[in-house]
Amino acid sequence: MSSRKAELRNAALAYLLEHGVANVSLRPMAAQLGTSARILMFHFKSKEGLLQEVLQELHSHLQSSFLRMSSVKPGGRRDVPLRRFWRWATRKENLQCLRLLYEIQIVAVQNPREYGRYLKKASLDWQTIVFNALSESVRSDTMSTLCIAVFDGLLLEMINTGERARLTRALERFIAMTPVSGKGSNDE
């Protein structure tokens, strides 16, 4: 990727974090980015192409953050990665990125011809990452799918309501009642 294209993608990401994607139009975005819609089209081919690149950047950022957290052993003990990722995700600056990610994914779901392959790949990538973060005793496609679904559901509720304390308690309850908690230990 050219440095100019990466610069425009990052600027577009900042713009979308502030404005969302619901009514995004290339001309106003380009004007705020100090460029033209024609230049954006040259680099990204379409508005959908630009959104796909932003979506990929968001997923890369989130996945690398989860991988970092799932390998960290605070205080010599390995805390449940789901818990650490929740704490990270619900910080104001990260929650904003996740809100945009979910918003773009809804747009993508409405246009499967344009985004279908990307959405499938992102889903498989998350499935693999979470699967590998689970301890061998509980590692299964079913458990990784369940962890992803619970996290997504709780995070969407957090975005909708802002009720962090209630939703954190719900996550803690899920961790306590499933084998991801290592059956009473802090090892996942």
C-alpha atoms as a PDB file:
ATOM      1  CA  MET A   1       0.000   0.000   0.000  1.00  0.00           C
ATOM      2  CA  SER A   2       1.362   3.411  -0.920  1.00  0.00           C
ATOM      3  CA  SER A   3       2.126   5.794   1.912  1.00  0.00           C
ATOM      4  CA  ARG A   4      -0.424   8.274   0.524  1.00  0.00           C
ATOM      5  CA  LYS A   5      -3.132   5.599   0.446  1.00  0.00           C
ATOM      6  CA  ALA A   6      -2.304   4.548   4.030  1.00  0.00           C
ATOM      7  CA  GLU A   7      -2.373   8.206   5.086  1.00  0.00           C
ATOM      8  CA  LEU A   8      -5.804   8.677   3.466  1.00  0.00           C
ATOM      9  CA  ARG A   9      -7.104   5.438   5.010  1.00  0.00           C
ATOM     10  CA  ASN A  10      -5.975   6.545   8.479  1.00  0.00           C
ATOM     11  CA  ALA A  11      -7.487  10.008   7.984  1.00  0.00           C
ATOM     12  CA  ALA A  12     -10.732   8.410   6.769  1.00  0.00           C
ATOM     13  CA  LEU A  13     -10.724   6.193   9.856  1.00  0.00           C
ATOM     14  CA  ALA A  14     -10.429   9.281  12.092  1.00  0.00           C
ATOM     15  CA  TYR A  15     -13.229  10.969  10.129  1.00  0.00           C
ATOM     16  CA  LEU A  16     -15.501   7.926  10.453  1.00  0.00           C
ATOM     17  CA  LEU A  17     -14.773   7.631  14.181  1.00  0.00           C
ATOM     18  CA  GLU A  18     -16.111  11.157  14.544  1.00  0.00           C
ATOM     19  CA  HIS A  19     -18.998  11.037  12.031  1.00  0.00           C
ATOM     20  CA  GLY A  20     -19.955   7.360  11.681  1.00  0.00           C
ATOM     21  CA  VAL A  21     -20.888   5.698   8.404  1.00  0.00           C
ATOM     22  CA  ALA A  22     -24.677   6.037   8.293  1.00  0.00           C
ATOM     23  CA  ASN A  23     -24.719   9.086   6.031  1.00  0.00           C
ATOM     24  CA  VAL A  24     -21.127   9.173   4.875  1.00  0.00           C
ATOM     25  CA  SER A  25     -20.495  10.773   1.509  1.00  0.00           C
ATOM     26  CA  LEU A  26     -17.109  10.923  -0.188  1.00  0.00           C
ATOM     27  CA  ARG A  27     -17.222  14.645  -1.072  1.00  0.00           C
ATOM     28  CA  PRO A  28     -17.657  16.020   2.468  1.00  0.00           C
ATOM     29  CA  MET A  29     -15.190  13.452   3.788  1.00  0.00           C
ATOM     30  CA  ALA A  30     -12.634  14.329   1.131  1.00  0.00           C
ATOM     31  CA  ALA A  31     -13.047  18.038   1.824  1.00  0.00           C
ATOM     32  CA  GLN A  32     -12.360  17.510   5.526  1.00  0.00           C
ATOM     33  CA  LEU A  33      -9.371  15.308   4.675  1.00  0.00           C
ATOM     34  CA  GLY A  34      -7.940  18.030   2.460  1.00  0.00           C
ATOM     35  CA  THR A  35      -8.296  16.058  -0.755  1.00  0.00           C
ATOM     36  CA  SER A  36     -10.946  15.375  -3.386  1.00  0.00           C
ATOM     37  CA  ALA A  37     -13.480  12.610  -3.910  1.00  0.00           C
ATOM     38  CA  ARG A  38     -11.671  11.843  -7.174  1.00  0.00           C
ATOM     39  CA  ILE A  39      -8.414  11.148  -5.298  1.00  0.00           C
ATOM     40  CA  LEU A  40     -10.257   8.888  -2.842  1.00  0.00           C
ATOM     41  CA  MET A  41     -11.783   7.020  -5.795  1.00  0.00           C
ATOM     42  CA  PHE A  42      -8.347   6.684  -7.388  1.00  0.00           C
ATOM     43  CA  HIS A  43      -6.919   5.054  -4.272  1.00  0.00           C
ATOM     44  CA  PHE A  44      -9.929   3.010  -3.094  1.00  0.00           C
ATOM     45  CA  LYS A  45     -12.009   2.544  -6.291  1.00  0.00           C
ATOM     46  CA  SER A  46     -15.307   3.163  -4.455  1.00  0.00           C
ATOM     47  CA  LYS A  47     -16.828   4.197  -1.138  1.00  0.00           C
ATOM     48  CA  GLU A  48     -17.221   0.486  -0.378  1.00  0.00           C
ATOM     49  CA  GLY A  49     -13.526  -0.071  -1.135  1.00  0.00           C
ATOM     50  CA  LEU A  50     -12.601   2.668   1.339  1.00  0.00           C
ATOM     51  CA  LEU A  51     -14.923   1.201   3.993  1.00  0.00           C
ATOM     52  CA  GLN A  52     -13.424  -2.263   3.432  1.00  0.00           C
ATOM     53  CA  GLU A  53      -9.918  -0.920   3.996  1.00  0.00           C
ATOM     54  CA  VAL A  54     -11.030   0.882   7.171  1.00  0.00           C
ATOM     55  CA  LEU A  55     -12.782  -2.300   8.339  1.00  0.00           C
ATOM     56  CA  GLN A  56      -9.640  -4.343   7.728  1.00  0.00           C
ATOM     57  CA  GLU A  57      -7.554  -1.804   9.641  1.00  0.00           C
ATOM     58  CA  LEU A  58      -9.962  -1.905  12.593  1.00  0.00           C
ATOM     59  CA  HIS A  59      -9.979  -5.708  12.646  1.00  0.00           C
ATOM     60  CA  SER A  60      -6.181  -5.851  12.445  1.00  0.00           C
ATOM     61  CA  HIS A  61      -5.883  -3.429  15.356  1.00  0.00           C
ATOM     62  CA  LEU A  62      -8.418  -5.335  17.488  1.00  0.00           C
ATOM     63  CA  GLN A  63      -7.002  -8.749  16.683  1.00  0.00           C
ATOM     64  CA  SER A  64      -3.429  -7.722  17.470  1.00  0.00           C
ATOM     65  CA  SER A  65      -4.640  -6.162  20.743  1.00  0.00           C
ATOM     66  CA  PHE A  66      -6.430  -9.395  21.702  1.00  0.00           C
ATOM     67  CA  LEU A  67      -3.365 -11.479  20.814  1.00  0.00           C
ATOM     68  CA  ARG A  68      -1.165  -9.244  22.987  1.00  0.00           C
ATOM     69  CA  MET A  69      -3.580  -9.535  25.885  1.00  0.00           C
ATOM     70  CA  SER A  70      -4.042 -13.276  25.597  1.00  0.00           C
ATOM     71  CA  SER A  71      -0.290 -13.843  25.918  1.00  0.00           C
ATOM     72  CA  VAL A  72       0.348 -11.434  28.837  1.00  0.00           C
ATOM     73  CA  LYS A  73       0.639 -12.953  32.288  1.00  0.00           C
ATOM     74  CA  PRO A  74       0.015 -10.149  34.801  1.00  0.00           C
ATOM     75  CA  GLY A  75       1.563 -10.824  38.196  1.00  0.00           C
ATOM     76  CA  GLY A  76       2.831 -14.200  37.063  1.00  0.00           C
ATOM     77  CA  ARG A  77      -0.723 -15.546  36.616  1.00  0.00           C
ATOM     78  CA  ARG A  78      -2.595 -15.773  33.371  1.00  0.00           C
ATOM     79  CA  ASP A  79      -5.870 -13.894  33.684  1.00  0.00           C
ATOM     80  CA  VAL A  80      -8.798 -14.881  31.473  1.00  0.00           C
ATOM     81  CA  PRO A  81      -8.182 -13.190  28.076  1.00  0.00           C
ATOM     82  CA  LEU A  82     -11.911 -12.512  27.682  1.00  0.00           C
ATOM     83  CA  ARG A  83     -11.860 -10.460  30.884  1.00  0.00           C
ATOM     84  CA  ARG A  84      -8.706  -8.526  29.906  1.00  0.00           C
ATOM     85  CA  PHE A  85     -10.068  -7.835  26.422  1.00  0.00           C
ATOM     86  CA  TRP A  86     -13.359  -6.597  27.932  1.00  0.00           C
ATOM     87  CA  ARG A  87     -11.498  -4.152  30.192  1.00  0.00           C
ATOM     88  CA  TRP A  88      -9.494  -2.938  27.203  1.00  0.00           C
ATOM     89  CA  ALA A  89     -12.496  -2.757  24.852  1.00  0.00           C
ATOM     90  CA  THR A  90     -14.710  -0.793  27.241  1.00  0.00           C
ATOM     91  CA  ARG A  91     -12.225   2.044  27.690  1.00  0.00           C
ATOM     92  CA  LYS A  92     -13.608   5.158  26.011  1.00  0.00           C
ATOM     93  CA  GLU A  93     -11.010   5.373  23.217  1.00  0.00           C
ATOM     94  CA  ASN A  94     -11.345   1.681  22.318  1.00  0.00           C
ATOM     95  CA  LEU A  95     -15.122   1.571  22.614  1.00  0.00           C
ATOM     96  CA  GLN A  96     -15.272   4.254  19.922  1.00  0.00           C
ATOM     97  CA  CYS A  97     -13.321   1.985  17.529  1.00  0.00           C
ATOM     98  CA  LEU A  98     -15.565  -0.974  18.299  1.00  0.00           C
ATOM     99  CA  ARG A  99     -18.705   1.101  17.774  1.00  0.00           C
ATOM    100  CA  LEU A 100     -17.423   2.019  14.311  1.00  0.00           C
ATOM    101  CA  LEU A 101     -16.464  -1.595  13.604  1.00  0.00           C
ATOM    102  CA  TYR A 102     -19.977  -2.830  14.384  1.00  0.00           C
ATOM    103  CA  GLU A 103     -21.523   0.023  12.409  1.00  0.00           C
ATOM    104  CA  ILE A 104     -19.447  -0.780   9.321  1.00  0.00           C
ATOM    105  CA  GLN A 105     -20.177  -4.492   9.719  1.00  0.00           C
ATOM    106  CA  ILE A 106     -23.918  -3.789   9.617  1.00  0.00           C
ATOM    107  CA  VAL A 107     -23.398  -1.837   6.387  1.00  0.00           C
ATOM    108  CA  ALA A 108     -21.321  -4.759   5.080  1.00  0.00           C
ATOM    109  CA  VAL A 109     -24.010  -7.316   5.981  1.00  0.00           C
ATOM    110  CA  GLN A 110     -26.471  -5.287   3.919  1.00  0.00           C
ATOM    111  CA  ASN A 111     -24.179  -5.591   0.901  1.00  0.00           C
ATOM    112  CA  PRO A 112     -22.966  -9.216   0.884  1.00  0.00           C
ATOM    113  CA  ARG A 113     -21.858  -9.120  -2.741  1.00  0.00           C
ATOM    114  CA  GLU A 114     -19.334  -6.388  -1.976  1.00  0.00           C
ATOM    115  CA  TYR A 115     -18.310  -7.415   1.553  1.00  0.00           C
ATOM    116  CA  GLY A 116     -19.253 -11.097   1.930  1.00  0.00           C
ATOM    117  CA  ARG A 117     -15.778 -12.530   1.398  1.00  0.00           C
ATOM    118  CA  TYR A 118     -14.263 -10.051   3.828  1.00  0.00           C
ATOM    119  CA  LEU A 119     -16.881 -10.728   6.529  1.00  0.00           C
ATOM    120  CA  LYS A 120     -16.331 -14.493   6.232  1.00  0.00           C
ATOM    121  CA  LYS A 121     -12.554 -14.062   6.537  1.00  0.00           C
ATOM    122  CA  ALA A 122     -12.864 -11.748   9.556  1.00  0.00           C
ATOM    123  CA  SER A 123     -15.184 -14.230  11.260  1.00  0.00           C
ATOM    124  CA  LEU A 124     -12.812 -17.134  10.613  1.00  0.00           C
ATOM    125  CA  ASP A 125      -9.844 -15.069  11.837  1.00  0.00           C
ATOM    126  CA  TRP A 126     -11.615 -14.273  15.128  1.00  0.00           C
ATOM    127  CA  GLN A 127     -12.673 -17.906  15.491  1.00  0.00           C
ATOM    128  CA  THR A 128      -9.039 -19.019  15.140  1.00  0.00           C
ATOM    129  CA  ILE A 129      -7.673 -16.357  17.500  1.00  0.00           C
ATOM    130  CA  VAL A 130     -10.177 -17.116  20.271  1.00  0.00           C
ATOM    131  CA  PHE A 131      -9.851 -20.878  19.743  1.00  0.00           C
ATOM    132  CA  ASN A 132      -6.080 -20.616  20.265  1.00  0.00           C
ATOM    133  CA  ALA A 133      -6.510 -18.405  23.361  1.00  0.00           C
ATOM    134  CA  LEU A 134      -8.551 -21.093  25.128  1.00  0.00           C
ATOM    135  CA  SER A 135      -6.767 -23.665  27.269  1.00  0.00           C
ATOM    136  CA  GLU A 136      -6.492 -27.112  25.727  1.00  0.00           C
ATOM    137  CA  SER A 137      -9.010 -28.554  28.168  1.00  0.00           C
ATOM    138  CA  VAL A 138     -11.831 -26.357  26.790  1.00  0.00           C
ATOM    139  CA  ARG A 139     -10.568 -25.604  23.284  1.00  0.00           C
ATOM    140  CA  SER A 140     -13.328 -26.262  20.764  1.00  0.00           C
ATOM    141  CA  ASP A 141     -15.100 -24.479  17.923  1.00  0.00           C
ATOM    142  CA  THR A 142     -18.243 -24.415  20.040  1.00  0.00           C
ATOM    143  CA  MET A 143     -16.552 -22.734  23.012  1.00  0.00           C
ATOM    144  CA  SER A 144     -14.755 -20.152  20.863  1.00  0.00           C
ATOM    145  CA  THR A 145     -18.020 -19.376  19.048  1.00  0.00           C
ATOM    146  CA  LEU A 146     -19.814 -18.987  22.374  1.00  0.00           C
ATOM    147  CA  CYS A 147     -17.110 -16.641  23.742  1.00  0.00           C
ATOM    148  CA  ILE A 148     -17.276 -14.474  20.610  1.00  0.00           C
ATOM    149  CA  ALA A 149     -21.085 -14.337  20.697  1.00  0.00           C
ATOM    150  CA  VAL A 150     -21.208 -13.423  24.390  1.00  0.00           C
ATOM    151  CA  PHE A 151     -18.543 -10.735  23.954  1.00  0.00           C
ATOM    152  CA  ASP A 152     -20.253  -9.235  20.876  1.00  0.00           C
ATOM    153  CA  GLY A 153     -23.660  -9.261  22.560  1.00  0.00           C
ATOM    154  CA  LEU A 154     -22.404  -7.636  25.746  1.00  0.00           C
ATOM    155  CA  LEU A 155     -20.373  -5.071  23.837  1.00  0.00           C
ATOM    156  CA  LEU A 156     -23.315  -4.102  21.613  1.00  0.00           C
ATOM    157  CA  GLU A 157     -25.413  -3.675  24.759  1.00  0.00           C
ATOM    158  CA  MET A 158     -22.625  -1.516  26.236  1.00  0.00           C
ATOM    159  CA  ILE A 159     -22.605   0.650  23.113  1.00  0.00           C
ATOM    160  CA  ASN A 160     -26.409   0.952  23.283  1.00  0.00           C
ATOM    161  CA  THR A 161     -26.783   1.645  26.999  1.00  0.00           C
ATOM    162  CA  GLY A 162     -23.407   2.692  28.401  1.00  0.00           C
ATOM    163  CA  GLU A 163     -24.082   0.409  31.404  1.00  0.00           C
ATOM    164  CA  ARG A 164     -20.547  -0.846  31.931  1.00  0.00           C
ATOM    165  CA  ALA A 165     -20.948  -2.090  35.532  1.00  0.00           C
ATOM    166  CA  ARG A 166     -24.019  -4.237  34.802  1.00  0.00           C
ATOM    167  CA  LEU A 167     -22.478  -5.722  31.667  1.00  0.00           C
ATOM    168  CA  THR A 168     -19.144  -6.384  33.360  1.00  0.00           C
ATOM    169  CA  ARG A 169     -21.035  -8.327  36.036  1.00  0.00           C
ATOM    170  CA  ALA A 170     -22.741 -10.316  33.273  1.00  0.00           C
ATOM    171  CA  LEU A 171     -19.369 -11.119  31.683  1.00  0.00           C
ATOM    172  CA  GLU A 172     -17.988 -12.186  35.070  1.00  0.00           C
ATOM    173  CA  ARG A 173     -21.018 -14.444  35.532  1.00  0.00           C
ATOM    174  CA  PHE A 174     -20.411 -16.024  32.110  1.00  0.00           C
ATOM    175  CA  ILE A 175     -16.740 -16.603  32.969  1.00  0.00           C
ATOM    176  CA  ALA A 176     -17.684 -18.148  36.339  1.00  0.00           C
ATOM    177  CA  MET A 177     -20.240 -20.537  34.881  1.00  0.00           C
ATOM    178  CA  THR A 178     -18.214 -21.765  31.909  1.00  0.00           C
ATOM    179  CA  PRO A 179     -15.005 -23.760  31.675  1.00  0.00           C
ATOM    180  CA  VAL A 180     -13.130 -20.770  30.188  1.00  0.00           C
ATOM    181  CA  SER A 181     -12.363 -19.751  33.745  1.00  0.00           C
ATOM    182  CA  GLY A 182     -10.293 -22.893  34.227  1.00  0.00           C
ATOM    183  CA  LYS A 183     -12.795 -24.345  36.733  1.00  0.00           C
ATOM    184  CA  GLY A 184     -12.041 -22.038  39.599  1.00  0.00           C
ATOM    185  CA  SER A 185      -8.552 -20.923  38.617  1.00  0.00           C
ATOM    186  CA  ASN A 186      -7.508 -17.818  36.746  1.00  0.00           C
ATOM    187  CA  ASP A 187      -5.964 -19.849  33.974  1.00  0.00           C
ATOM    188  CA  GLU A 188      -7.924 -20.013  30.758  1.00  0.00           C
END
